[in-house]
């Protein structure tokens, strides 16, 4: 197997940025706050912990919380994974009987602060997130005018690409997937899951990139599938009309692309033929995902930052916005600036 894969580079919607800048010069330059999709009840046999972590990944923190509470690791849950190279605040959940107190004030977990606790009736499940709020700092911006002009453009949406962290260092997760799909074995269940997820994410990115290149990003193709904004609900559009165009232009709906796997293809006609053409060079990957019993899914190809605001301090930009769960802040940033991610570069050098 080759140590490289020849995936075309993903296209820029607004052209490649001229400005350069530094991201994550320090952890506080990348802050993420998780917002749940429900309001905790304040009572029940589950305890929600509002946790701030720095320099630690979510799964590691969950294991440390379990150890501190004297529980098996599988009993501690969370709504989503958060970046290690950042200051992130997110919810964790563990079972605590109603009459039992949790001595969390006595815990000492490196890089972790517990900011608040609240009881809830149910276990916290993956995906129970309304949105993530980001506070980012870009330092040493080389072309302020170019970046400023792009801030006016991204309010209309950016390609909803999966970020580079999904694919591993130097695309390592994709290389694992290629090994697997060529008949190799990955005994480790977690690594195998990462490989399968990365392969689908890359196939999705290729569809989105092709739509950008062909001028189809802001269009609904005949027979295409759209997603309601803020919802997982999708429906097929037999023939776009003025109503569909209006809903598209007002961000009520978004075009979608396929995450391949087992399941009925919802596209028809022109949209289905186009999708099959784009995925044809990677049909062996699509077939392998089906063979591995991965379920097909849909994902919006357009990502619209919510509540966007920013402030300049000389050549430093302070940027705030919110994104739906599962979307990547780096997909917004790549349309704004060519950034060098300092924390990740250092992590790769030290690994």
Foldseek 3Di string as FASTA:
>chain_A
DDPDDDDDDFDWLQHFFPKEWAWLPDQAQKEKEFAFLDDAPQDAFKKKWWKKFEQDKDLVVLCLVCVLQVHDSVQKDFADIDDNSHTYIGIIMHTHGRPGDGVCVPDDDPRMDGDDMGDHHDHHYHNRTLWMKIKHKTHPIPDVVRLVVLVVVCLQWTFQADDPVLQPDNSVLCVVLVCVLVPHDDPDPVSVVSNLSSVLRSLQSLVLSVCSVVVNQLHADQQFKKAAPSDQDIATHNDDDPVNSVCSSVVRIATKAKSAEDDDDSGDDPVVVVSCVSCVVVVSSSVVRHVVRPDMGIDGRTWRWAPWDWDDDPRMITIMTMTGPPTDPVSVVSNNHRYDHVVVVVVVVVD
